[in-house]
PDB file of N, CA and C in Angstrom:
ATOM      1  N   MET A   1      74.523  54.510 194.237  1.00  0.00           N
ATOM      2  CA  MET A   1      73.410  54.140 193.400  1.00  0.00           C
ATOM      3  C   MET A   1      73.095  52.663 193.614  1.00  0.00           C
ATOM      4  N   LEU A   2      71.890  52.367 193.942  1.00  0.00           N
ATOM      5  CA  LEU A   2      71.452  50.991 194.125  1.00  0.00           C
ATOM      6  C   LEU A   2      70.885  50.450 192.824  1.00  0.00           C
ATOM      7  N   ILE A   3      71.222  49.199 192.532  1.00  0.00           N
ATOM      8  CA  ILE A   3      70.719  48.560 191.320  1.00  0.00           C
ATOM      9  C   ILE A   3      69.637  47.575 191.720  1.00  0.00           C
ATOM     10  N   ASN A   4      68.514  47.673 191.073  1.00  0.00           N
ATOM     11  CA  ASN A   4      67.411  46.761 191.315  1.00  0.00           C
ATOM     12  C   ASN A   4      67.695  45.466 190.556  1.00  0.00           C
ATOM     13  N   THR A   5      68.021  44.400 191.271  1.00  0.00           N
ATOM     14  CA  THR A   5      68.377  43.137 190.632  1.00  0.00           C
ATOM     15  C   THR A   5      67.165  42.357 190.142  1.00  0.00           C
ATOM     16  N   GLU A   6      65.986  42.808 190.470  1.00  0.00           N
ATOM     17  CA  GLU A   6      64.778  42.108 190.048  1.00  0.00           C
ATOM     18  C   GLU A   6      64.207  42.650 188.746  1.00  0.00           C
ATOM     19  N   SER A   7      64.669  43.787 188.284  1.00  0.00           N
ATOM     20  CA  SER A   7      64.151  44.333 187.034  1.00  0.00           C
ATOM     21  C   SER A   7      64.841  43.677 185.847  1.00  0.00           C
ATOM     22  N   LYS A   8      64.156  43.675 184.706  1.00  0.00           N
ATOM     23  CA  LYS A   8      64.712  43.086 183.499  1.00  0.00           C
ATOM     24  C   LYS A   8      65.624  44.097 182.819  1.00  0.00           C
ATOM     25  N   PRO A   9      66.748  43.635 182.273  1.00  0.00           N
ATOM     26  CA  PRO A   9      67.662  44.563 181.604  1.00  0.00           C
ATOM     27  C   PRO A   9      67.071  45.076 180.291  1.00  0.00           C
ATOM     28  N   ASP A  10      67.477  46.243 179.906  1.00  0.00           N
ATOM     29  CA  ASP A  10      67.054  46.807 178.625  1.00  0.00           C
ATOM     30  C   ASP A  10      67.805  46.156 177.464  1.00  0.00           C
ATOM     31  N   MET A  11      69.023  45.671 177.762  1.00  0.00           N
ATOM     32  CA  MET A  11      69.833  45.054 176.723  1.00  0.00           C
ATOM     33  C   MET A  11      70.772  44.037 177.377  1.00  0.00           C
ATOM     34  N   ILE A  12      71.062  42.983 176.670  1.00  0.00           N
ATOM     35  CA  ILE A  12      72.031  41.991 177.127  1.00  0.00           C
ATOM     36  C   ILE A  12      73.109  41.887 176.059  1.00  0.00           C
ATOM     37  N   VAL A  13      74.345  42.067 176.476  1.00  0.00           N
ATOM     38  CA  VAL A  13      75.472  41.900 175.565  1.00  0.00           C
ATOM     39  C   VAL A  13      76.054  40.526 175.847  1.00  0.00           C
ATOM     40  N   GLY A  14      75.842  39.614 174.920  1.00  0.00           N
ATOM     41  CA  GLY A  14      76.269  38.236 175.115  1.00  0.00           C
ATOM     42  C   GLY A  14      77.588  37.927 174.419  1.00  0.00           C
ATOM     43  N   TRP A  15      77.976  36.667 174.508  1.00  0.00           N
ATOM     44  CA  TRP A  15      79.244  36.193 173.961  1.00  0.00           C
ATOM     45  C   TRP A  15      79.361  36.502 172.464  1.00  0.00           C
ATOM     46  N   GLU A  16      78.300  36.245 171.707  1.00  0.00           N
ATOM     47  CA  GLU A  16      78.334  36.474 170.257  1.00  0.00           C
ATOM     48  C   GLU A  16      78.601  37.936 169.925  1.00  0.00           C
ATOM     49  N   GLN A  17      78.014  38.851 170.674  1.00  0.00           N
ATOM     50  CA  GLN A  17      78.235  40.283 170.427  1.00  0.00           C
ATOM     51  C   GLN A  17      79.678  40.661 170.769  1.00  0.00           C
ATOM     52  N   HIS A  18      80.219  40.103 171.849  1.00  0.00           N
ATOM     53  CA  HIS A  18      81.617  40.371 172.189  1.00  0.00           C
ATOM     54  C   HIS A  18      82.545  39.840 171.093  1.00  0.00           C
ATOM     55  N   LEU A  19      82.237  38.650 170.558  1.00  0.00           N
ATOM     56  CA  LEU A  19      83.022  38.106 169.447  1.00  0.00           C
ATOM     57  C   LEU A  19      82.959  39.023 168.234  1.00  0.00           C
ATOM     58  N   LYS A  20      81.755  39.450 167.899  1.00  0.00           N
ATOM     59  CA  LYS A  20      81.543  40.318 166.732  1.00  0.00           C
ATOM     60  C   LYS A  20      82.299  41.642 166.886  1.00  0.00           C
ATOM     61  N   ASN A  21      82.365  42.159 168.101  1.00  0.00           N
ATOM     62  CA  ASN A  21      83.035  43.436 168.358  1.00  0.00           C
ATOM     63  C   ASN A  21      84.548  43.291 168.527  1.00  0.00           C
ATOM     64  N   GLY A  22      85.055  42.060 168.489  1.00  0.00           N
ATOM     65  CA  GLY A  22      86.494  41.841 168.630  1.00  0.00           C
ATOM     66  C   GLY A  22      87.002  42.020 170.042  1.00  0.00           C
ATOM     67  N   ASN A  23      86.175  41.659 171.021  1.00  0.00           N
ATOM     68  CA  ASN A  23      86.553  41.832 172.430  1.00  0.00           C
ATOM     69  C   ASN A  23      86.817  40.519 173.162  1.00  0.00           C
ATOM     70  N   VAL A  24      86.990  39.420 172.422  1.00  0.00           N
ATOM     71  CA  VAL A  24      87.283  38.133 173.051  1.00  0.00           C
ATOM     72  C   VAL A  24      88.715  37.744 172.693  1.00  0.00           C
ATOM     73  N   TRP A  25      89.495  37.454 173.706  1.00  0.00           N
ATOM     74  CA  TRP A  25      90.909  37.114 173.538  1.00  0.00           C
ATOM     75  C   TRP A  25      91.168  35.721 174.074  1.00  0.00           C
ATOM     76  N   LYS A  26      92.063  35.002 173.396  1.00  0.00           N
ATOM     77  CA  LYS A  26      92.452  33.655 173.833  1.00  0.00           C
ATOM     78  C   LYS A  26      93.869  33.730 174.391  1.00  0.00           C
ATOM     79  N   ALA A  27      94.022  33.213 175.589  1.00  0.00           N
ATOM     80  CA  ALA A  27      95.337  33.111 176.212  1.00  0.00           C
ATOM     81  C   ALA A  27      95.603  31.645 176.506  1.00  0.00           C
ATOM     82  N   ASN A  28      96.842  31.235 176.326  1.00  0.00           N
ATOM     83  CA  ASN A  28      97.245  29.891 176.705  1.00  0.00           C
ATOM     84  C   ASN A  28      98.207  30.028 177.873  1.00  0.00           C
ATOM     85  N   ILE A  29      97.882  29.351 178.963  1.00  0.00           N
ATOM     86  CA  ILE A  29      98.769  29.394 180.123  1.00  0.00           C
ATOM     87  C   ILE A  29      99.234  27.985 180.446  1.00  0.00           C
ATOM     88  N   GLU A  30     100.416  27.928 181.024  1.00  0.00           N
ATOM     89  CA  GLU A  30     100.967  26.662 181.486  1.00  0.00           C
ATOM     90  C   GLU A  30     100.937  26.683 183.002  1.00  0.00           C
ATOM     91  N   LEU A  31     100.281  25.679 183.571  1.00  0.00           N
ATOM     92  CA  LEU A  31     100.169  25.562 185.021  1.00  0.00           C
ATOM     93  C   LEU A  31     100.931  24.338 185.488  1.00  0.00           C
ATOM     94  N   SER A  32     101.483  24.411 186.662  1.00  0.00           N
ATOM     95  CA  SER A  32     102.206  23.257 187.199  1.00  0.00           C
ATOM     96  C   SER A  32     101.374  22.577 188.274  1.00  0.00           C
ATOM     97  N   MET A  33     101.643  21.295 188.430  1.00  0.00           N
ATOM     98  CA  MET A  33     100.999  20.535 189.499  1.00  0.00           C
ATOM     99  C   MET A  33     101.955  19.437 189.911  1.00  0.00           C
ATOM    100  N   GLN A  34     101.832  19.023 191.134  1.00  0.00           N
ATOM    101  CA  GLN A  34     102.666  17.943 191.641  1.00  0.00           C
ATOM    102  C   GLN A  34     102.154  16.619 191.102  1.00  0.00           C
ATOM    103  N   GLY A  35     103.075  15.738 190.770  1.00  0.00           N
ATOM    104  CA  GLY A  35     102.725  14.431 190.229  1.00  0.00           C
ATOM    105  C   GLY A  35     102.173  13.499 191.283  1.00  0.00           C
ATOM    106  N   GLY A  36     102.016  12.278 190.897  1.00  0.00           N
ATOM    107  CA  GLY A  36     101.443  11.271 191.782  1.00  0.00           C
ATOM    108  C   GLY A  36     102.443  10.734 192.781  1.00  0.00           C
ATOM    109  N   GLU A  37     102.705   9.437 192.709  1.00  0.00           N
ATOM    110  CA  GLU A  37     103.515   8.751 193.704  1.00  0.00           C
ATOM    111  C   GLU A  37     104.961   9.239 193.763  1.00  0.00           C
ATOM    112  N   ASN A  38     105.551   9.550 192.596  1.00  0.00           N
ATOM    113  CA  ASN A  38     106.952   9.965 192.604  1.00  0.00           C
ATOM    114  C   ASN A  38     107.105  11.476 192.789  1.00  0.00           C
ATOM    115  N   ASP A  39     106.009  12.169 192.963  1.00  0.00           N
ATOM    116  CA  ASP A  39     105.999  13.599 193.278  1.00  0.00           C
ATOM    117  C   ASP A  39     106.738  14.449 192.237  1.00  0.00           C
ATOM    118  N   GLU A  40     106.669  14.023 190.976  1.00  0.00           N
ATOM    119  CA  GLU A  40     107.319  14.783 189.919  1.00  0.00           C
ATOM    120  C   GLU A  40     106.499  16.033 189.565  1.00  0.00           C
ATOM    121  N   GLN A  41     107.176  17.035 189.050  1.00  0.00           N
ATOM    122  CA  GLN A  41     106.520  18.272 188.636  1.00  0.00           C
ATOM    123  C   GLN A  41     105.909  18.058 187.257  1.00  0.00           C
ATOM    124  N   LEU A  42     104.624  18.261 187.116  1.00  0.00           N
ATOM    125  CA  LEU A  42     103.920  18.113 185.847  1.00  0.00           C
ATOM    126  C   LEU A  42     103.395  19.471 185.403  1.00  0.00           C
ATOM    127  N   PHE A  43     103.248  19.642 184.105  1.00  0.00           N
ATOM    128  CA  PHE A  43     102.706  20.878 183.548  1.00  0.00           C
ATOM    129  C   PHE A  43     101.532  20.548 182.641  1.00  0.00           C
ATOM    130  N   TYR A  44     100.550  21.395 182.633  1.00  0.00           N
ATOM    131  CA  TYR A  44      99.454  21.232 181.690  1.00  0.00           C
ATOM    132  C   TYR A  44      99.077  22.596 181.138  1.00  0.00           C
ATOM    133  N   ASN A  45      98.616  22.562 179.885  1.00  0.00           N
ATOM    134  CA  ASN A  45      98.256  23.789 179.172  1.00  0.00           C
ATOM    135  C   ASN A  45      96.762  24.023 179.259  1.00  0.00           C
ATOM    136  N   VAL A  46      96.382  25.276 179.480  1.00  0.00           N
ATOM    137  CA  VAL A  46      94.987  25.654 179.613  1.00  0.00           C
ATOM    138  C   VAL A  46      94.717  26.842 178.684  1.00  0.00           C
ATOM    139  N   ASP A  47      93.682  26.734 177.846  1.00  0.00           N
ATOM    140  CA  ASP A  47      93.233  27.874 177.047  1.00  0.00           C
ATOM    141  C   ASP A  47      92.181  28.622 177.843  1.00  0.00           C
ATOM    142  N   VAL A  48      92.365  29.917 177.964  1.00  0.00           N
ATOM    143  CA  VAL A  48      91.432  30.766 178.705  1.00  0.00           C
ATOM    144  C   VAL A  48      90.928  31.844 177.748  1.00  0.00           C
ATOM    145  N   TYR A  49      89.616  31.986 177.642  1.00  0.00           N
ATOM    146  CA  TYR A  49      89.018  33.022 176.811  1.00  0.00           C
ATOM    147  C   TYR A  49      88.472  34.110 177.733  1.00  0.00           C
ATOM    148  N   VAL A  50      88.838  35.356 177.452  1.00  0.00           N
ATOM    149  CA  VAL A  50      88.378  36.459 178.287  1.00  0.00           C
ATOM    150  C   VAL A  50      87.810  37.570 177.412  1.00  0.00           C
ATOM    151  N   VAL A  51      86.908  38.339 177.980  1.00  0.00           N
ATOM    152  CA  VAL A  51      86.345  39.511 177.311  1.00  0.00           C
ATOM    153  C   VAL A  51      87.104  40.730 177.813  1.00  0.00           C
ATOM    154  N   ALA A  52      87.724  41.452 176.878  1.00  0.00           N
ATOM    155  CA  ALA A  52      88.495  42.645 177.216  1.00  0.00           C
ATOM    156  C   ALA A  52      88.595  43.528 175.975  1.00  0.00           C
ATOM    157  N   PRO A  53      88.733  44.840 176.157  1.00  0.00           N
ATOM    158  CA  PRO A  53      88.807  45.739 175.003  1.00  0.00           C
ATOM    159  C   PRO A  53      90.164  45.725 174.292  1.00  0.00           C
ATOM    160  N   ASN A  54      91.218  45.178 174.958  1.00  0.00           N
ATOM    161  CA  ASN A  54      92.532  45.143 174.321  1.00  0.00           C
ATOM    162  C   ASN A  54      93.367  43.997 174.902  1.00  0.00           C
ATOM    163  N   ILE A  55      94.468  43.716 174.236  1.00  0.00           N
ATOM    164  CA  ILE A  55      95.317  42.588 174.613  1.00  0.00           C
ATOM    165  C   ILE A  55      95.940  42.772 175.994  1.00  0.00           C
ATOM    166  N   ASP A  56      96.287  44.005 176.347  1.00  0.00           N
ATOM    167  CA  ASP A  56      96.910  44.251 177.647  1.00  0.00           C
ATOM    168  C   ASP A  56      95.971  43.926 178.803  1.00  0.00           C
ATOM    169  N   LEU A  57      94.729  44.349 178.678  1.00  0.00           N
ATOM    170  CA  LEU A  57      93.761  44.056 179.730  1.00  0.00           C
ATOM    171  C   LEU A  57      93.443  42.562 179.766  1.00  0.00           C
ATOM    172  N   ALA A  58      93.402  41.921 178.601  1.00  0.00           N
ATOM    173  CA  ALA A  58      93.162  40.480 178.555  1.00  0.00           C
ATOM    174  C   ALA A  58      94.257  39.739 179.318  1.00  0.00           C
ATOM    175  N   GLN A  59      95.508  40.123 179.094  1.00  0.00           N
ATOM    176  CA  GLN A  59      96.615  39.477 179.797  1.00  0.00           C
ATOM    177  C   GLN A  59      96.539  39.742 181.293  1.00  0.00           C
ATOM    178  N   TYR A  60      96.187  40.957 181.680  1.00  0.00           N
ATOM    179  CA  TYR A  60      96.055  41.285 183.094  1.00  0.00           C
ATOM    180  C   TYR A  60      94.979  40.417 183.757  1.00  0.00           C
ATOM    181  N   ILE A  61      93.852  40.259 183.088  1.00  0.00           N
ATOM    182  CA  ILE A  61      92.757  39.459 183.644  1.00  0.00           C
ATOM    183  C   ILE A  61      93.199  38.023 183.856  1.00  0.00           C
ATOM    184  N   VAL A  62      93.857  37.444 182.844  1.00  0.00           N
ATOM    185  CA  VAL A  62      94.287  36.046 182.943  1.00  0.00           C
ATOM    186  C   VAL A  62      95.326  35.874 184.044  1.00  0.00           C
ATOM    187  N   THR A  63      96.301  36.773 184.125  1.00  0.00           N
ATOM    188  CA  THR A  63      97.337  36.624 185.156  1.00  0.00           C
ATOM    189  C   THR A  63      96.788  36.879 186.552  1.00  0.00           C
ATOM    190  N   THR A  64      95.709  37.636 186.651  1.00  0.00           N
ATOM    191  CA  THR A  64      95.058  37.844 187.947  1.00  0.00           C
ATOM    192  C   THR A  64      94.248  36.609 188.343  1.00  0.00           C
ATOM    193  N   MET A  65      93.593  36.003 187.367  1.00  0.00           N
ATOM    194  CA  MET A  65      92.797  34.805 187.639  1.00  0.00           C
ATOM    195  C   MET A  65      93.669  33.596 187.951  1.00  0.00           C
ATOM    196  N   TYR A  66      94.840  33.521 187.314  1.00  0.00           N
ATOM    197  CA  TYR A  66      95.744  32.384 187.482  1.00  0.00           C
ATOM    198  C   TYR A  66      97.136  32.895 187.857  1.00  0.00           C
ATOM    199  N   PRO A  67      97.312  33.397 189.075  1.00  0.00           N
ATOM    200  CA  PRO A  67      98.586  34.023 189.457  1.00  0.00           C
ATOM    201  C   PRO A  67      99.768  33.052 189.524  1.00  0.00           C
ATOM    202  N   ASP A  68      99.508  31.764 189.595  1.00  0.00           N
ATOM    203  CA  ASP A  68     100.583  30.789 189.707  1.00  0.00           C
ATOM    204  C   ASP A  68     100.985  30.193 188.357  1.00  0.00           C
ATOM    205  N   TYR A  69     100.701  30.895 187.266  1.00  0.00           N
ATOM    206  CA  TYR A  69     101.027  30.385 185.941  1.00  0.00           C
ATOM    207  C   TYR A  69     102.546  30.301 185.764  1.00  0.00           C
ATOM    208  N   GLU A  70     102.994  29.342 184.958  1.00  0.00           N
ATOM    209  CA  GLU A  70     104.416  29.190 184.642  1.00  0.00           C
ATOM    210  C   GLU A  70     104.772  30.005 183.400  1.00  0.00           C
ATOM    211  N   SER A  71     103.853  30.012 182.413  1.00  0.00           N
ATOM    212  CA  SER A  71     104.056  30.813 181.212  1.00  0.00           C
ATOM    213  C   SER A  71     102.698  31.223 180.670  1.00  0.00           C
ATOM    214  N   ILE A  72     102.707  32.276 179.855  1.00  0.00           N
ATOM    215  CA  ILE A  72     101.462  32.783 179.264  1.00  0.00           C
ATOM    216  C   ILE A  72     101.748  33.267 177.855  1.00  0.00           C
ATOM    217  N   CYS A  73     100.781  33.042 176.985  1.00  0.00           N
ATOM    218  CA  CYS A  73     100.856  33.544 175.617  1.00  0.00           C
ATOM    219  C   CYS A  73      99.447  33.991 175.227  1.00  0.00           C
ATOM    220  N   VAL A  74      99.303  35.273 174.910  1.00  0.00           N
ATOM    221  CA  VAL A  74      98.013  35.806 174.471  1.00  0.00           C
ATOM    222  C   VAL A  74      98.106  36.040 172.971  1.00  0.00           C
ATOM    223  N   ASN A  75      97.132  35.521 172.228  1.00  0.00           N
ATOM    224  CA  ASN A  75      97.127  35.721 170.780  1.00  0.00           C
ATOM    225  C   ASN A  75      97.176  37.206 170.449  1.00  0.00           C
ATOM    226  N   ASP A  76      97.868  37.553 169.346  1.00  0.00           N
ATOM    227  CA  ASP A  76      98.010  38.948 168.943  1.00  0.00           C
ATOM    228  C   ASP A  76      96.699  39.573 168.486  1.00  0.00           C
ATOM    229  N   ASN A  77      95.780  38.749 168.014  1.00  0.00           N
ATOM    230  CA  ASN A  77      94.498  39.257 167.523  1.00  0.00           C
ATOM    231  C   ASN A  77      93.355  38.650 168.319  1.00  0.00           C
ATOM    232  N   PRO A  78      92.253  39.385 168.429  1.00  0.00           N
ATOM    233  CA  PRO A  78      91.086  38.833 169.130  1.00  0.00           C
ATOM    234  C   PRO A  78      90.563  37.590 168.410  1.00  0.00           C
ATOM    235  N   VAL A  79      89.849  36.759 169.114  1.00  0.00           N
ATOM    236  CA  VAL A  79      89.248  35.560 168.552  1.00  0.00           C
ATOM    237  C   VAL A  79      88.230  35.976 167.479  1.00  0.00           C
ATOM    238  N   GLY A  80      88.240  35.282 166.365  1.00  0.00           N
ATOM    239  CA  GLY A  80      87.265  35.556 165.324  1.00  0.00           C
ATOM    240  C   GLY A  80      87.644  36.675 164.375  1.00  0.00           C
ATOM    241  N   VAL A  81      88.811  37.271 164.577  1.00  0.00           N
ATOM    242  CA  VAL A  81      89.268  38.353 163.694  1.00  0.00           C
ATOM    243  C   VAL A  81      90.462  37.850 162.906  1.00  0.00           C
ATOM    244  N   ALA A  82      90.406  37.977 161.604  1.00  0.00           N
ATOM    245  CA  ALA A  82      91.510  37.513 160.756  1.00  0.00           C
ATOM    246  C   ALA A  82      92.748  38.383 160.989  1.00  0.00           C
ATOM    247  N   PRO A  83      93.937  37.766 160.952  1.00  0.00           N
ATOM    248  CA  PRO A  83      95.177  38.543 161.160  1.00  0.00           C
ATOM    249  C   PRO A  83      95.441  39.537 160.038  1.00  0.00           C
TER     250      PRO A  83
END
């Protein structure tokens, strides 16, 4: 099936709708990088927000996007949803 990229969509599902539906997850990953002159190992924390229907898929997406992560923590609840 070919998709006509020049036609206008009938509907757009944007960030706000994903938030409202509970499909946005926040993951915190720790990435390593080599230091400056003394070549020390440095770590920095990165928050990554992904759209996924569940926590397992959210974690899979983040670990696929950042395969060299040192650690990962995905919030138990979607962003914008009270625990």
